[in-house]
N, C-alpha and C. Protein backbone atom coordinates (compact mmCIF):
# COMPACT_ATOMS: atom_id res chain seq x y z
N MET A 1 11.91 -34.60 -6.10
CA MET A 1 10.63 -35.27 -6.73
C MET A 1 10.90 -36.10 -8.22
N GLY A 2 10.01 -37.07 -8.09
CA GLY A 2 10.15 -37.64 -9.30
C GLY A 2 9.53 -36.94 -10.55
N SER A 3 10.02 -37.70 -11.82
CA SER A 3 9.57 -37.13 -12.75
C SER A 3 8.13 -37.03 -13.12
N GLN A 4 7.26 -37.96 -12.46
CA GLN A 4 5.83 -37.91 -12.55
C GLN A 4 5.02 -36.80 -11.69
N ASP A 5 5.71 -36.49 -10.78
CA ASP A 5 5.32 -35.15 -10.00
C ASP A 5 5.68 -34.12 -10.76
N ASN A 6 6.88 -34.03 -11.22
CA ASN A 6 7.04 -32.65 -12.44
C ASN A 6 6.26 -32.69 -13.73
N ASP A 7 5.76 -34.00 -14.11
CA ASP A 7 4.81 -34.05 -15.13
C ASP A 7 3.52 -33.39 -14.96
N THR A 8 2.85 -33.90 -13.82
CA THR A 8 1.73 -33.57 -12.97
C THR A 8 2.00 -31.89 -12.68
N THR A 9 3.02 -31.17 -12.18
CA THR A 9 3.13 -29.92 -11.92
C THR A 9 3.16 -29.13 -13.39
N TYR A 10 3.76 -29.79 -14.27
CA TYR A 10 3.88 -29.08 -15.48
C TYR A 10 2.37 -29.03 -16.13
N ALA A 11 1.78 -29.86 -16.09
CA ALA A 11 0.41 -30.06 -16.66
C ALA A 11 -0.43 -28.93 -15.91
N GLU A 12 -0.57 -29.20 -14.61
CA GLU A 12 -1.50 -27.98 -13.79
C GLU A 12 -0.91 -26.66 -14.14
N PHE A 13 0.27 -26.24 -14.33
CA PHE A 13 0.93 -25.19 -14.52
C PHE A 13 0.28 -24.43 -15.93
N LYS A 14 0.45 -25.44 -17.03
CA LYS A 14 -0.12 -25.16 -18.36
C LYS A 14 -1.67 -24.83 -18.10
N ASP A 15 -2.22 -25.45 -17.27
CA ASP A 15 -3.80 -25.60 -17.24
C ASP A 15 -4.10 -24.27 -16.62
N THR A 16 -3.22 -23.81 -15.75
CA THR A 16 -3.53 -22.59 -14.97
C THR A 16 -3.16 -21.41 -15.35
N VAL A 17 -1.79 -21.44 -16.18
CA VAL A 17 -1.50 -20.41 -16.77
C VAL A 17 -1.90 -19.90 -18.06
N ASN A 18 -3.14 -19.14 -18.57
CA ASN A 18 -3.90 -19.14 -19.61
C ASN A 18 -3.40 -17.69 -20.50
N MET A 19 -2.52 -17.26 -19.90
CA MET A 19 -1.95 -15.91 -20.73
C MET A 19 -0.27 -16.51 -21.55
N THR A 20 -0.31 -16.08 -22.56
CA THR A 20 0.87 -16.36 -23.30
C THR A 20 2.16 -15.62 -22.54
N ALA A 21 3.52 -15.98 -22.91
CA ALA A 21 4.26 -15.07 -22.46
C ALA A 21 4.39 -13.66 -22.98
N ALA A 22 4.07 -13.52 -24.47
CA ALA A 22 3.92 -12.34 -24.89
C ALA A 22 2.79 -11.56 -24.38
N GLU A 23 1.54 -11.94 -24.03
CA GLU A 23 0.49 -11.17 -23.48
C GLU A 23 0.93 -10.93 -21.89
N LEU A 24 1.46 -11.73 -21.01
CA LEU A 24 2.15 -11.51 -19.73
C LEU A 24 3.08 -10.43 -19.78
N GLU A 25 3.74 -10.45 -20.63
CA GLU A 25 5.02 -9.46 -20.88
C GLU A 25 4.22 -8.22 -21.03
N LYS A 26 3.53 -8.16 -21.74
CA LYS A 26 2.62 -6.78 -21.92
C LYS A 26 2.00 -6.20 -20.94
N TRP A 27 1.36 -7.24 -20.26
CA TRP A 27 0.38 -6.67 -19.09
C TRP A 27 1.38 -6.25 -17.95
N LEU A 28 2.71 -7.01 -17.76
CA LEU A 28 3.30 -6.47 -16.65
C LEU A 28 3.84 -5.18 -16.81
N ASP A 29 3.75 -4.47 -17.82
CA ASP A 29 4.30 -3.10 -18.09
C ASP A 29 3.31 -2.06 -17.74
N THR A 30 1.98 -2.72 -17.55
CA THR A 30 1.10 -1.81 -17.44
C THR A 30 0.86 -1.17 -15.99
N PRO A 31 0.46 0.20 -16.00
CA PRO A 31 0.41 0.72 -14.26
C PRO A 31 -0.51 -0.27 -13.33
N GLU A 32 -1.75 -0.94 -13.97
CA GLU A 32 -2.46 -1.53 -13.19
C GLU A 32 -1.78 -2.69 -12.44
N SER A 33 -0.99 -3.48 -13.51
CA SER A 33 -0.14 -4.41 -12.64
C SER A 33 0.93 -4.12 -11.93
N LYS A 34 1.53 -3.03 -12.08
CA LYS A 34 2.55 -2.65 -10.85
C LYS A 34 1.67 -2.08 -9.65
N GLU A 35 0.48 -1.70 -9.64
CA GLU A 35 -0.03 -1.01 -8.50
C GLU A 35 -0.71 -2.32 -7.42
N VAL A 36 -0.86 -3.52 -8.05
CA VAL A 36 -1.39 -4.46 -6.97
C VAL A 36 -0.24 -5.30 -6.42
N GLY A 37 -0.78 -5.80 -5.34
CA GLY A 37 0.22 -6.65 -4.67
C GLY A 37 0.87 -6.19 -3.40
N GLN A 38 1.50 -7.08 -2.51
CA GLN A 38 2.30 -6.84 -1.48
C GLN A 38 3.67 -6.56 -1.94
N LYS A 39 4.28 -5.50 -1.80
CA LYS A 39 5.62 -4.72 -2.37
C LYS A 39 6.58 -5.58 -1.44
N CYS A 40 7.79 -6.04 -2.30
CA CYS A 40 9.14 -6.54 -1.89
C CYS A 40 9.71 -5.17 -1.34
N GLY A 41 10.63 -5.58 -1.06
CA GLY A 41 11.76 -4.56 -0.59
C GLY A 41 12.46 -3.56 -1.64
N ASP A 42 12.40 -3.98 -2.68
CA ASP A 42 12.83 -3.40 -4.12
C ASP A 42 11.53 -2.53 -4.44
N GLY A 43 10.36 -2.56 -4.10
CA GLY A 43 9.02 -1.83 -4.56
C GLY A 43 8.20 -2.48 -5.47
N GLU A 44 8.98 -3.67 -5.99
CA GLU A 44 8.06 -4.52 -6.90
C GLU A 44 7.37 -5.65 -5.79
N SER A 45 6.13 -5.76 -6.41
CA SER A 45 5.07 -6.84 -5.76
C SER A 45 5.65 -8.07 -5.88
N THR A 46 5.43 -9.25 -4.97
CA THR A 46 5.77 -10.59 -5.25
C THR A 46 5.12 -11.13 -6.58
N GLY A 47 3.98 -10.79 -6.66
CA GLY A 47 3.12 -11.13 -7.89
C GLY A 47 3.74 -10.84 -9.09
N HIS A 48 4.24 -9.54 -9.27
CA HIS A 48 4.73 -8.92 -10.30
C HIS A 48 6.16 -9.64 -10.73
N ALA A 49 6.94 -9.76 -9.61
CA ALA A 49 8.08 -10.88 -9.71
C ALA A 49 7.87 -12.13 -10.19
N SER A 50 6.66 -12.57 -9.55
CA SER A 50 6.55 -13.82 -10.08
C SER A 50 6.24 -13.98 -11.41
N GLY A 51 5.62 -12.84 -12.03
CA GLY A 51 5.00 -13.08 -13.20
C GLY A 51 6.11 -12.99 -14.43
N ARG A 52 7.43 -12.09 -13.93
CA ARG A 52 8.41 -12.05 -14.84
C ARG A 52 9.32 -13.41 -14.67
N ARG A 53 9.18 -14.34 -13.89
CA ARG A 53 9.65 -15.57 -13.58
C ARG A 53 8.70 -16.50 -14.60
N ILE A 54 7.61 -16.43 -14.68
CA ILE A 54 6.60 -17.09 -15.52
C ILE A 54 6.79 -16.97 -17.00
N ILE A 55 7.27 -15.57 -17.19
CA ILE A 55 7.68 -15.61 -18.69
C ILE A 55 8.90 -16.53 -19.17
N GLU A 56 9.76 -16.26 -18.08
CA GLU A 56 10.89 -17.29 -18.52
C GLU A 56 10.64 -18.58 -18.39
N LEU A 57 9.80 -19.22 -17.41
CA LEU A 57 9.35 -20.60 -17.39
C LEU A 57 8.39 -20.89 -18.53
N LEU A 58 7.69 -20.07 -19.36
CA LEU A 58 6.85 -20.45 -20.63
C LEU A 58 7.85 -20.56 -21.67
N ARG A 59 8.93 -19.76 -21.67
CA ARG A 59 9.99 -19.80 -22.65
C ARG A 59 10.82 -20.62 -22.74
N THR A 60 10.75 -21.49 -21.59
CA THR A 60 11.94 -22.71 -21.57
C THR A 60 11.34 -24.08 -21.70
N LYS A 61 11.97 -24.86 -22.64
CA LYS A 61 11.60 -26.25 -23.06
C LYS A 61 11.25 -26.86 -21.54
N LYS A 62 10.45 -27.79 -21.63
CA LYS A 62 10.14 -28.62 -20.39
C LYS A 62 11.29 -29.49 -19.97
N SER A 63 11.96 -29.97 -20.93
CA SER A 63 13.31 -30.57 -20.40
C SER A 63 14.51 -29.98 -19.90
N ASP A 64 14.43 -28.90 -19.99
CA ASP A 64 15.36 -27.81 -19.55
C ASP A 64 15.08 -27.04 -17.99
N LEU A 65 13.82 -27.56 -17.74
CA LEU A 65 13.34 -26.81 -16.20
C LEU A 65 13.89 -27.72 -15.28
N SER A 66 14.44 -26.57 -14.17
CA SER A 66 14.99 -27.18 -13.22
C SER A 66 13.99 -27.39 -11.78
N ASP A 67 14.54 -28.16 -10.69
CA ASP A 67 13.63 -28.37 -9.57
C ASP A 67 13.07 -27.17 -9.16
N ASP A 68 13.97 -26.07 -9.15
CA ASP A 68 13.43 -24.83 -8.49
C ASP A 68 12.58 -24.25 -9.65
N ASP A 69 12.57 -24.53 -10.76
CA ASP A 69 11.41 -24.11 -11.67
C ASP A 69 10.19 -24.74 -11.24
N PHE A 70 10.24 -26.17 -11.29
CA PHE A 70 9.16 -26.76 -10.93
C PHE A 70 8.39 -26.43 -9.56
N ALA A 71 9.35 -25.87 -8.54
CA ALA A 71 8.48 -25.41 -7.46
C ALA A 71 8.10 -24.09 -7.62
N HIS A 72 8.57 -23.36 -8.36
CA HIS A 72 7.79 -22.15 -8.64
C HIS A 72 6.46 -22.29 -9.33
N MET A 73 6.46 -23.26 -10.15
CA MET A 73 5.24 -23.78 -10.82
C MET A 73 4.23 -24.10 -9.72
N ARG A 74 4.62 -24.98 -8.88
CA ARG A 74 3.82 -25.47 -7.95
C ARG A 74 3.07 -24.29 -7.10
N LYS A 75 3.98 -23.06 -7.07
CA LYS A 75 3.52 -22.06 -6.15
C LYS A 75 2.56 -21.38 -6.64
N VAL A 76 2.89 -21.07 -8.14
CA VAL A 76 1.61 -20.41 -8.85
C VAL A 76 0.53 -21.19 -8.89
N VAL A 77 0.43 -22.45 -9.31
CA VAL A 77 -1.01 -23.12 -9.38
C VAL A 77 -1.41 -23.04 -7.85
N GLY A 78 -0.69 -23.20 -6.84
CA GLY A 78 -1.37 -23.19 -5.64
C GLY A 78 -1.96 -21.69 -5.15
N TYR A 79 -1.39 -20.62 -5.62
CA TYR A 79 -1.86 -19.39 -5.54
C TYR A 79 -2.89 -19.12 -6.23
N ALA A 80 -3.08 -19.33 -7.51
CA ALA A 80 -4.21 -19.30 -8.53
C ALA A 80 -5.37 -19.92 -8.09
N HIS A 81 -5.17 -21.37 -7.58
CA HIS A 81 -6.25 -22.01 -7.13
C HIS A 81 -6.81 -21.41 -5.75
N ARG A 82 -6.11 -20.90 -4.79
CA ARG A 82 -6.59 -20.03 -3.61
C ARG A 82 -7.39 -18.80 -3.86
N HIS A 83 -6.57 -18.32 -4.77
CA HIS A 83 -7.16 -16.82 -5.21
C HIS A 83 -8.51 -16.97 -5.75
N LEU A 84 -8.50 -17.96 -6.86
CA LEU A 84 -9.81 -18.20 -7.65
C LEU A 84 -10.85 -18.54 -6.65
N ALA A 85 -10.58 -19.16 -5.74
CA ALA A 85 -11.67 -19.62 -4.39
C ALA A 85 -12.22 -18.40 -3.87
N GLN A 86 -11.46 -17.48 -3.77
CA GLN A 86 -11.70 -16.10 -3.12
C GLN A 86 -12.31 -14.99 -4.21
N LYS A 87 -13.10 -15.40 -5.16
CA LYS A 87 -13.69 -14.41 -6.25
C LYS A 87 -14.74 -13.61 -5.47
N PRO A 88 -14.36 -12.53 -5.50
CA PRO A 88 -15.41 -11.14 -4.95
C PRO A 88 -16.74 -11.18 -5.99
N GLN A 89 -17.84 -10.73 -5.30
CA GLN A 89 -19.01 -10.54 -5.81
C GLN A 89 -19.05 -9.15 -7.00
N GLY A 90 -19.65 -9.41 -7.90
CA GLY A 90 -19.76 -8.34 -8.91
C GLY A 90 -18.89 -8.20 -9.83
N ASN A 91 -18.80 -7.17 -10.47
CA ASN A 91 -17.73 -6.97 -11.86
C ASN A 91 -16.24 -7.13 -11.33
N THR A 92 -15.74 -8.22 -11.72
CA THR A 92 -13.98 -8.09 -11.63
C THR A 92 -13.39 -7.84 -12.56
N THR A 93 -13.82 -7.18 -13.71
CA THR A 93 -13.13 -6.57 -14.80
C THR A 93 -11.71 -6.08 -14.55
N GLU A 94 -12.12 -4.72 -13.52
CA GLU A 94 -11.18 -3.94 -13.51
C GLU A 94 -10.67 -3.92 -11.82
N SER A 95 -10.75 -5.08 -11.31
CA SER A 95 -10.34 -5.24 -9.89
C SER A 95 -9.04 -5.84 -9.61
N ALA A 96 -8.44 -5.69 -8.24
CA ALA A 96 -7.11 -5.74 -8.00
C ALA A 96 -7.26 -7.28 -7.79
N TRP A 97 -8.35 -8.09 -7.85
CA TRP A 97 -8.47 -9.50 -7.50
C TRP A 97 -7.98 -10.06 -8.96
N ARG A 98 -8.64 -9.72 -9.97
CA ARG A 98 -8.19 -9.92 -11.38
C ARG A 98 -6.68 -9.58 -11.65
N TYR A 99 -6.23 -8.25 -11.53
CA TYR A 99 -5.14 -8.06 -11.73
C TYR A 99 -4.03 -8.89 -11.07
N SER A 100 -4.50 -9.13 -9.85
CA SER A 100 -3.16 -9.91 -9.07
C SER A 100 -3.07 -11.25 -9.44
N LEU A 101 -4.25 -12.00 -10.17
CA LEU A 101 -4.13 -13.15 -10.85
C LEU A 101 -3.45 -13.13 -11.99
N MET A 102 -3.57 -12.11 -12.86
CA MET A 102 -3.04 -11.68 -14.28
C MET A 102 -1.44 -11.61 -13.90
N ASN A 103 -1.23 -10.90 -12.97
CA ASN A 103 0.55 -10.96 -12.78
C ASN A 103 1.00 -12.35 -12.60
N ARG A 104 0.09 -13.34 -12.38
CA ARG A 104 0.76 -14.59 -12.29
C ARG A 104 0.21 -15.49 -13.41
N GLY A 105 0.08 -14.65 -14.49
CA GLY A 105 -0.47 -15.35 -15.60
C GLY A 105 -1.61 -16.04 -15.69
N HIS A 106 -2.42 -15.65 -15.00
CA HIS A 106 -3.94 -16.29 -15.13
C HIS A 106 -5.08 -15.29 -15.31
N ASP A 107 -5.64 -15.11 -16.43
CA ASP A 107 -6.60 -14.07 -16.77
C ASP A 107 -8.08 -14.81 -16.46
N PRO A 108 -8.70 -14.63 -15.48
CA PRO A 108 -9.82 -15.11 -15.25
C PRO A 108 -11.42 -14.79 -16.17
N ARG A 109 -11.04 -13.80 -17.04
CA ARG A 109 -11.93 -13.26 -17.93
C ARG A 109 -11.85 -14.73 -19.33
N LYS A 110 -10.65 -15.37 -19.17
CA LYS A 110 -10.36 -16.26 -20.36
C LYS A 110 -11.06 -17.35 -20.23
N ASP A 111 -11.53 -17.71 -18.88
CA ASP A 111 -12.01 -18.98 -18.38
C ASP A 111 -13.47 -19.36 -19.20
């Protein structure tokens, strides 16, 4: 992909991920974070593993990001957009829906 595509991906990722690396790191240590999502073979959910990767991405200079990093950023943006479109009715403050988004660095309460 060209740099323009990566520039767009980077901007969309920064718009979508509204938690800092420190906030996300703290969140991923909570029981609520670990309880949601589809589990991988090692017992960690896909979203939780993605969150750990997002922390690395947030701490990496744009010029040091790889094509694989940009691909993961696109996955995060796509997931968040799909998940936000499926917002359940009622109070979502302590919901699996919100927690799953937070595992990927987006807290919908910050919107």
